[in-house]
Amino acid sequence: MIATLGTTFLRRRFLAADVVRLLTLVSVPVATVGWGATSFAVMSLALFGVVLPRMLGLRPVFDVAVCVLVLVAGWSSALEWYTSVFLWDKLIHVVLTGLLAALLAVVAADLRLVPHAPDAGRVSVAVLVFCAGLAIGSVWEMGEWLGHNFVDSRIYVGYDDTIGDLAADGLGGLLVGFALPWLAKDREVVRPPRR
């Protein structure tokens, strides 16, 4: 897997998601200048989130979905939509965390830690991605708490918010987990030339 990340990322095929990757790259300095250091951190994390799907050679629909949602999530933070738009936070937690959990399952399968999704049972894959969604959500909620206490007190945290976000993360993982056997098929992985 590690040997193919660079060659797969550099493949010559242009993808629709590459436009979103470019928008995310431009968003880093724009968000930093317009909204400050916290937005820089969030957009930098978003930049990593849009690069990884191309490195993994995911099928285009999976790639585009991850990239668009990562960029939307980054701007939602900068524009404070999570606290100003009703249920926006929960919607993003369901959809984005579900896709990120599926992405984590693909990486784990490439590392041979879990079975490759198209080869495993649909229910077992859904349970795996559900657990990955909860794990991602837990790490994210701890990051929010650290950010609130040590970086910027405007980062919203609270017991009800945290429990609701974790429930949304698990639901997203479960839903996307049922689709992962289809999403993980037909990857375009470029093998480096043999020496």
C-alpha atoms as a PDB file:
ATOM      1  CA  MET A   1       0.000   0.000   0.000  1.00  0.00           C
ATOM      2  CA  ILE A   2       2.661   2.542   1.041  1.00  0.00           C
ATOM      3  CA  ALA A   3       4.612   1.953  -2.168  1.00  0.00           C
ATOM      4  CA  THR A   4       1.604   2.839  -4.314  1.00  0.00           C
ATOM      5  CA  LEU A   5       0.460   6.043  -2.562  1.00  0.00           C
ATOM      6  CA  GLY A   6       2.773   8.410  -4.423  1.00  0.00           C
ATOM      7  CA  THR A   7       2.420   6.853  -7.863  1.00  0.00           C
ATOM      8  CA  THR A   8      -1.350   6.630  -7.490  1.00  0.00           C
ATOM      9  CA  PHE A   9      -1.558  10.274  -6.389  1.00  0.00           C
ATOM     10  CA  LEU A  10       0.584  11.395  -9.345  1.00  0.00           C
ATOM     11  CA  ARG A  11      -1.339   9.442 -12.004  1.00  0.00           C
ATOM     12  CA  ARG A  12      -2.102  11.568 -15.031  1.00  0.00           C
ATOM     13  CA  ARG A  13      -5.837  11.000 -15.027  1.00  0.00           C
ATOM     14  CA  PHE A  14      -7.726  14.189 -14.164  1.00  0.00           C
ATOM     15  CA  LEU A  15     -10.653  13.669 -11.817  1.00  0.00           C
ATOM     16  CA  ALA A  16     -13.592  15.917 -10.932  1.00  0.00           C
ATOM     17  CA  ALA A  17     -12.436  15.717  -7.327  1.00  0.00           C
ATOM     18  CA  ASP A  18      -9.183  17.427  -8.377  1.00  0.00           C
ATOM     19  CA  VAL A  19     -11.146  20.674  -8.792  1.00  0.00           C
ATOM     20  CA  VAL A  20     -12.310  20.318  -5.178  1.00  0.00           C
ATOM     21  CA  ARG A  21      -8.731  19.588  -4.091  1.00  0.00           C
ATOM     22  CA  LEU A  22      -7.603  22.810  -5.784  1.00  0.00           C
ATOM     23  CA  LEU A  23     -10.434  24.755  -4.085  1.00  0.00           C
ATOM     24  CA  THR A  24      -9.357  23.304  -0.744  1.00  0.00           C
ATOM     25  CA  LEU A  25      -5.748  24.343  -1.349  1.00  0.00           C
ATOM     26  CA  VAL A  26      -6.895  27.905  -2.146  1.00  0.00           C
ATOM     27  CA  SER A  27      -9.176  27.839   0.902  1.00  0.00           C
ATOM     28  CA  VAL A  28      -6.259  27.431   3.328  1.00  0.00           C
ATOM     29  CA  PRO A  29      -4.830  30.955   2.894  1.00  0.00           C
ATOM     30  CA  VAL A  30      -8.259  32.532   2.296  1.00  0.00           C
ATOM     31  CA  ALA A  31      -9.703  31.079   5.514  1.00  0.00           C
ATOM     32  CA  THR A  32      -6.537  31.951   7.432  1.00  0.00           C
ATOM     33  CA  VAL A  33      -6.592  35.599   6.360  1.00  0.00           C
ATOM     34  CA  GLY A  34     -10.346  35.961   6.751  1.00  0.00           C
ATOM     35  CA  TRP A  35     -11.031  33.873   9.850  1.00  0.00           C
ATOM     36  CA  GLY A  36      -7.749  33.354  11.716  1.00  0.00           C
ATOM     37  CA  ALA A  37      -5.552  30.618  13.118  1.00  0.00           C
ATOM     38  CA  THR A  38      -8.329  28.187  14.040  1.00  0.00           C
ATOM     39  CA  SER A  39      -9.567  28.245  10.448  1.00  0.00           C
ATOM     40  CA  PHE A  40      -6.002  27.642   9.266  1.00  0.00           C
ATOM     41  CA  ALA A  41      -5.833  24.491  11.410  1.00  0.00           C
ATOM     42  CA  VAL A  42      -9.226  23.252  10.216  1.00  0.00           C
ATOM     43  CA  MET A  43      -8.491  23.938   6.532  1.00  0.00           C
ATOM     44  CA  SER A  44      -5.066  22.304   6.791  1.00  0.00           C
ATOM     45  CA  LEU A  45      -6.761  19.201   8.148  1.00  0.00           C
ATOM     46  CA  ALA A  46      -9.268  19.458   5.287  1.00  0.00           C
ATOM     47  CA  LEU A  47      -6.381  19.601   2.800  1.00  0.00           C
ATOM     48  CA  PHE A  48      -5.078  16.289   4.135  1.00  0.00           C
ATOM     49  CA  GLY A  49      -8.615  14.905   3.920  1.00  0.00           C
ATOM     50  CA  VAL A  50      -8.933  15.699   0.206  1.00  0.00           C
ATOM     51  CA  VAL A  51      -5.475  14.397  -0.735  1.00  0.00           C
ATOM     52  CA  LEU A  52      -5.871  10.950   0.831  1.00  0.00           C
ATOM     53  CA  PRO A  53      -8.688   9.689  -1.466  1.00  0.00           C
ATOM     54  CA  ARG A  54      -6.582  10.373  -4.566  1.00  0.00           C
ATOM     55  CA  MET A  55      -3.601   8.598  -2.981  1.00  0.00           C
ATOM     56  CA  LEU A  56      -5.795   5.554  -2.384  1.00  0.00           C
ATOM     57  CA  GLY A  57      -7.153   5.521  -5.957  1.00  0.00           C
ATOM     58  CA  LEU A  58     -10.762   5.425  -4.805  1.00  0.00           C
ATOM     59  CA  ARG A  59     -13.553   5.148  -7.325  1.00  0.00           C
ATOM     60  CA  PRO A  60     -14.544   8.654  -8.526  1.00  0.00           C
ATOM     61  CA  VAL A  61     -17.904   8.882  -6.747  1.00  0.00           C
ATOM     62  CA  PHE A  62     -16.298   7.999  -3.384  1.00  0.00           C
ATOM     63  CA  ASP A  63     -13.421  10.416  -4.053  1.00  0.00           C
ATOM     64  CA  VAL A  64     -15.719  13.336  -4.974  1.00  0.00           C
ATOM     65  CA  ALA A  65     -18.070  12.709  -2.048  1.00  0.00           C
ATOM     66  CA  VAL A  66     -15.224  12.729   0.485  1.00  0.00           C
ATOM     67  CA  CYS A  67     -13.594  15.817  -1.031  1.00  0.00           C
ATOM     68  CA  VAL A  68     -16.783  17.879  -1.278  1.00  0.00           C
ATOM     69  CA  LEU A  69     -17.878  17.025   2.246  1.00  0.00           C
ATOM     70  CA  VAL A  70     -14.441  17.692   3.735  1.00  0.00           C
ATOM     71  CA  LEU A  71     -14.349  21.123   2.065  1.00  0.00           C
ATOM     72  CA  VAL A  72     -17.922  21.912   3.137  1.00  0.00           C
ATOM     73  CA  ALA A  73     -17.098  20.841   6.698  1.00  0.00           C
ATOM     74  CA  GLY A  74     -14.022  23.080   6.756  1.00  0.00           C
ATOM     75  CA  TRP A  75     -15.952  26.123   5.553  1.00  0.00           C
ATOM     76  CA  SER A  76     -18.829  25.289   7.884  1.00  0.00           C
ATOM     77  CA  SER A  77     -16.398  25.690  10.751  1.00  0.00           C
ATOM     78  CA  ALA A  78     -14.986  28.993   9.477  1.00  0.00           C
ATOM     79  CA  LEU A  79     -18.476  30.396   8.799  1.00  0.00           C
ATOM     80  CA  GLU A  80     -19.810  29.033  12.117  1.00  0.00           C
ATOM     81  CA  TRP A  81     -22.656  27.130  10.469  1.00  0.00           C
ATOM     82  CA  TYR A  82     -22.379  24.394  13.092  1.00  0.00           C
ATOM     83  CA  THR A  83     -23.806  26.721  15.725  1.00  0.00           C
ATOM     84  CA  SER A  84     -25.994  28.920  13.522  1.00  0.00           C
ATOM     85  CA  VAL A  85     -27.739  26.495  11.126  1.00  0.00           C
ATOM     86  CA  PHE A  86     -30.250  24.125  12.726  1.00  0.00           C
ATOM     87  CA  LEU A  87     -29.038  20.483  12.693  1.00  0.00           C
ATOM     88  CA  TRP A  88     -26.186  21.282  10.273  1.00  0.00           C
ATOM     89  CA  ASP A  89     -23.673  19.862  12.766  1.00  0.00           C
ATOM     90  CA  LYS A  90     -25.538  16.548  12.993  1.00  0.00           C
ATOM     91  CA  LEU A  91     -25.953  16.262   9.216  1.00  0.00           C
ATOM     92  CA  ILE A  92     -22.225  16.739   8.638  1.00  0.00           C
ATOM     93  CA  HIS A  93     -21.423  14.275  11.423  1.00  0.00           C
ATOM     94  CA  VAL A  94     -23.627  11.609   9.818  1.00  0.00           C
ATOM     95  CA  VAL A  95     -22.435  12.012   6.229  1.00  0.00           C
ATOM     96  CA  LEU A  96     -18.815  13.079   6.567  1.00  0.00           C
ATOM     97  CA  THR A  97     -17.895  10.819   9.472  1.00  0.00           C
ATOM     98  CA  GLY A  98     -19.548   7.923   7.672  1.00  0.00           C
ATOM     99  CA  LEU A  99     -17.387   8.542   4.603  1.00  0.00           C
ATOM    100  CA  LEU A 100     -14.242   9.035   6.683  1.00  0.00           C
ATOM    101  CA  ALA A 101     -14.945   5.813   8.571  1.00  0.00           C
ATOM    102  CA  ALA A 102     -15.276   4.012   5.237  1.00  0.00           C
ATOM    103  CA  LEU A 103     -11.992   5.574   4.147  1.00  0.00           C
ATOM    104  CA  LEU A 104     -10.380   4.299   7.360  1.00  0.00           C
ATOM    105  CA  ALA A 105     -11.743   0.810   6.628  1.00  0.00           C
ATOM    106  CA  VAL A 106     -10.164   0.930   3.142  1.00  0.00           C
ATOM    107  CA  VAL A 107      -6.793   1.880   4.665  1.00  0.00           C
ATOM    108  CA  ALA A 108      -7.123  -0.880   7.285  1.00  0.00           C
ATOM    109  CA  ALA A 109      -7.910  -3.400   4.531  1.00  0.00           C
ATOM    110  CA  ASP A 110      -4.896  -2.238   2.503  1.00  0.00           C
ATOM    111  CA  LEU A 111      -2.754  -2.804   5.591  1.00  0.00           C
ATOM    112  CA  ARG A 112      -4.363  -6.268   5.907  1.00  0.00           C
ATOM    113  CA  LEU A 113      -5.777  -5.472   9.343  1.00  0.00           C
ATOM    114  CA  VAL A 114      -9.346  -6.229   8.232  1.00  0.00           C
ATOM    115  CA  PRO A 115     -10.837  -8.024   5.207  1.00  0.00           C
ATOM    116  CA  HIS A 116     -11.235  -6.079   1.973  1.00  0.00           C
ATOM    117  CA  ALA A 117     -14.830  -4.802   1.950  1.00  0.00           C
ATOM    118  CA  PRO A 118     -15.998  -6.362  -1.339  1.00  0.00           C
ATOM    119  CA  ASP A 119     -14.779  -9.751  -0.062  1.00  0.00           C
ATOM    120  CA  ALA A 120     -16.348  -9.543   3.423  1.00  0.00           C
ATOM    121  CA  GLY A 121     -19.988  -9.834   4.425  1.00  0.00           C
ATOM    122  CA  ARG A 122     -22.057  -6.674   4.117  1.00  0.00           C
ATOM    123  CA  VAL A 123     -23.215  -6.768   7.768  1.00  0.00           C
ATOM    124  CA  SER A 124     -19.718  -7.328   9.172  1.00  0.00           C
ATOM    125  CA  VAL A 125     -18.382  -4.449   7.062  1.00  0.00           C
ATOM    126  CA  ALA A 126     -21.211  -2.195   8.259  1.00  0.00           C
ATOM    127  CA  VAL A 127     -20.438  -3.050  11.898  1.00  0.00           C
ATOM    128  CA  LEU A 128     -16.726  -2.407  11.300  1.00  0.00           C
ATOM    129  CA  VAL A 129     -17.416   1.005   9.727  1.00  0.00           C
ATOM    130  CA  PHE A 130     -19.908   1.793  12.523  1.00  0.00           C
ATOM    131  CA  CYS A 131     -17.101   1.194  15.063  1.00  0.00           C
ATOM    132  CA  ALA A 132     -14.680   3.257  12.960  1.00  0.00           C
ATOM    133  CA  GLY A 133     -17.239   6.079  12.902  1.00  0.00           C
ATOM    134  CA  LEU A 134     -17.491   6.011  16.683  1.00  0.00           C
ATOM    135  CA  ALA A 135     -13.691   5.989  16.977  1.00  0.00           C
ATOM    136  CA  ILE A 136     -13.269   8.945  14.601  1.00  0.00           C
ATOM    137  CA  GLY A 137     -16.047  10.793  16.418  1.00  0.00           C
ATOM    138  CA  SER A 138     -14.437  10.168  19.801  1.00  0.00           C
ATOM    139  CA  VAL A 139     -11.096  11.536  18.654  1.00  0.00           C
ATOM    140  CA  TRP A 140     -12.836  14.532  17.054  1.00  0.00           C
ATOM    141  CA  GLU A 141     -14.818  15.310  20.212  1.00  0.00           C
ATOM    142  CA  MET A 142     -11.632  15.158  22.307  1.00  0.00           C
ATOM    143  CA  GLY A 143     -10.023  17.522  19.812  1.00  0.00           C
ATOM    144  CA  GLU A 144     -12.991  19.896  20.130  1.00  0.00           C
ATOM    145  CA  TRP A 145     -12.675  19.822  23.913  1.00  0.00           C
ATOM    146  CA  LEU A 146      -8.927  20.531  23.724  1.00  0.00           C
ATOM    147  CA  GLY A 147      -9.555  23.296  21.199  1.00  0.00           C
ATOM    148  CA  HIS A 148     -12.246  24.864  23.381  1.00  0.00           C
ATOM    149  CA  ASN A 149     -10.098  24.791  26.511  1.00  0.00           C
ATOM    150  CA  PHE A 150      -6.671  25.633  25.082  1.00  0.00           C
ATOM    151  CA  VAL A 151      -7.107  27.334  21.690  1.00  0.00           C
ATOM    152  CA  ASP A 152     -10.384  29.204  21.215  1.00  0.00           C
ATOM    153  CA  SER A 153     -13.278  29.230  23.667  1.00  0.00           C
ATOM    154  CA  ARG A 154     -15.687  29.890  20.770  1.00  0.00           C
ATOM    155  CA  ILE A 155     -15.350  26.208  19.768  1.00  0.00           C
ATOM    156  CA  TYR A 156     -18.652  24.835  21.000  1.00  0.00           C
ATOM    157  CA  VAL A 157     -18.626  21.864  23.365  1.00  0.00           C
ATOM    158  CA  GLY A 158     -21.216  20.463  25.723  1.00  0.00           C
ATOM    159  CA  TYR A 159     -22.455  17.115  26.980  1.00  0.00           C
ATOM    160  CA  ASP A 160     -25.609  16.998  24.845  1.00  0.00           C
ATOM    161  CA  ASP A 161     -23.685  18.147  21.783  1.00  0.00           C
ATOM    162  CA  THR A 162     -20.997  15.506  22.287  1.00  0.00           C
ATOM    163  CA  ILE A 163     -23.442  12.624  22.785  1.00  0.00           C
ATOM    164  CA  GLY A 164     -25.515  13.756  19.807  1.00  0.00           C
ATOM    165  CA  ASP A 165     -22.420  14.045  17.626  1.00  0.00           C
ATOM    166  CA  LEU A 166     -21.211  10.563  18.615  1.00  0.00           C
ATOM    167  CA  ALA A 167     -24.630   9.073  17.853  1.00  0.00           C
ATOM    168  CA  ALA A 168     -24.567  10.796  14.448  1.00  0.00           C
ATOM    169  CA  ASP A 169     -21.025   9.487  13.831  1.00  0.00           C
ATOM    170  CA  GLY A 170     -22.096   5.917  14.566  1.00  0.00           C
ATOM    171  CA  LEU A 171     -25.206   6.221  12.378  1.00  0.00           C
ATOM    172  CA  GLY A 172     -23.144   7.609   9.508  1.00  0.00           C
ATOM    173  CA  GLY A 173     -20.630   4.784   9.839  1.00  0.00           C
ATOM    174  CA  LEU A 174     -23.376   2.185   9.825  1.00  0.00           C
ATOM    175  CA  LEU A 175     -25.148   3.645   6.780  1.00  0.00           C
ATOM    176  CA  VAL A 176     -22.006   4.150   4.711  1.00  0.00           C
ATOM    177  CA  GLY A 177     -20.726   0.766   5.893  1.00  0.00           C
ATOM    178  CA  PHE A 178     -23.532  -0.961   4.008  1.00  0.00           C
ATOM    179  CA  ALA A 179     -22.421   0.868   0.830  1.00  0.00           C
ATOM    180  CA  LEU A 180     -18.685   0.275   1.320  1.00  0.00           C
ATOM    181  CA  PRO A 181     -18.459  -3.033  -0.585  1.00  0.00           C
ATOM    182  CA  TRP A 182     -19.640  -1.112  -3.668  1.00  0.00           C
ATOM    183  CA  LEU A 183     -17.628   2.039  -2.900  1.00  0.00           C
ATOM    184  CA  ALA A 184     -14.374   0.108  -2.372  1.00  0.00           C
ATOM    185  CA  LYS A 185     -14.562  -1.762  -5.696  1.00  0.00           C
ATOM    186  CA  ASP A 186     -12.803  -0.724  -8.895  1.00  0.00           C
ATOM    187  CA  ARG A 187      -9.969   1.271  -7.380  1.00  0.00           C
ATOM    188  CA  GLU A 188      -7.306   2.715  -9.661  1.00  0.00           C
ATOM    189  CA  VAL A 189      -4.043   1.952  -7.910  1.00  0.00           C
ATOM    190  CA  VAL A 190      -0.849   2.627  -9.876  1.00  0.00           C
ATOM    191  CA  ARG A 191       1.995   0.270  -9.061  1.00  0.00           C
ATOM    192  CA  PRO A 192       5.521   1.749  -9.156  1.00  0.00           C
ATOM    193  CA  PRO A 193       7.740   0.377 -11.916  1.00  0.00           C
ATOM    194  CA  ARG A 194       9.900  -2.587 -10.938  1.00  0.00           C
ATOM    195  CA  ARG A 195      13.624  -1.955 -10.794  1.00  0.00           C
END
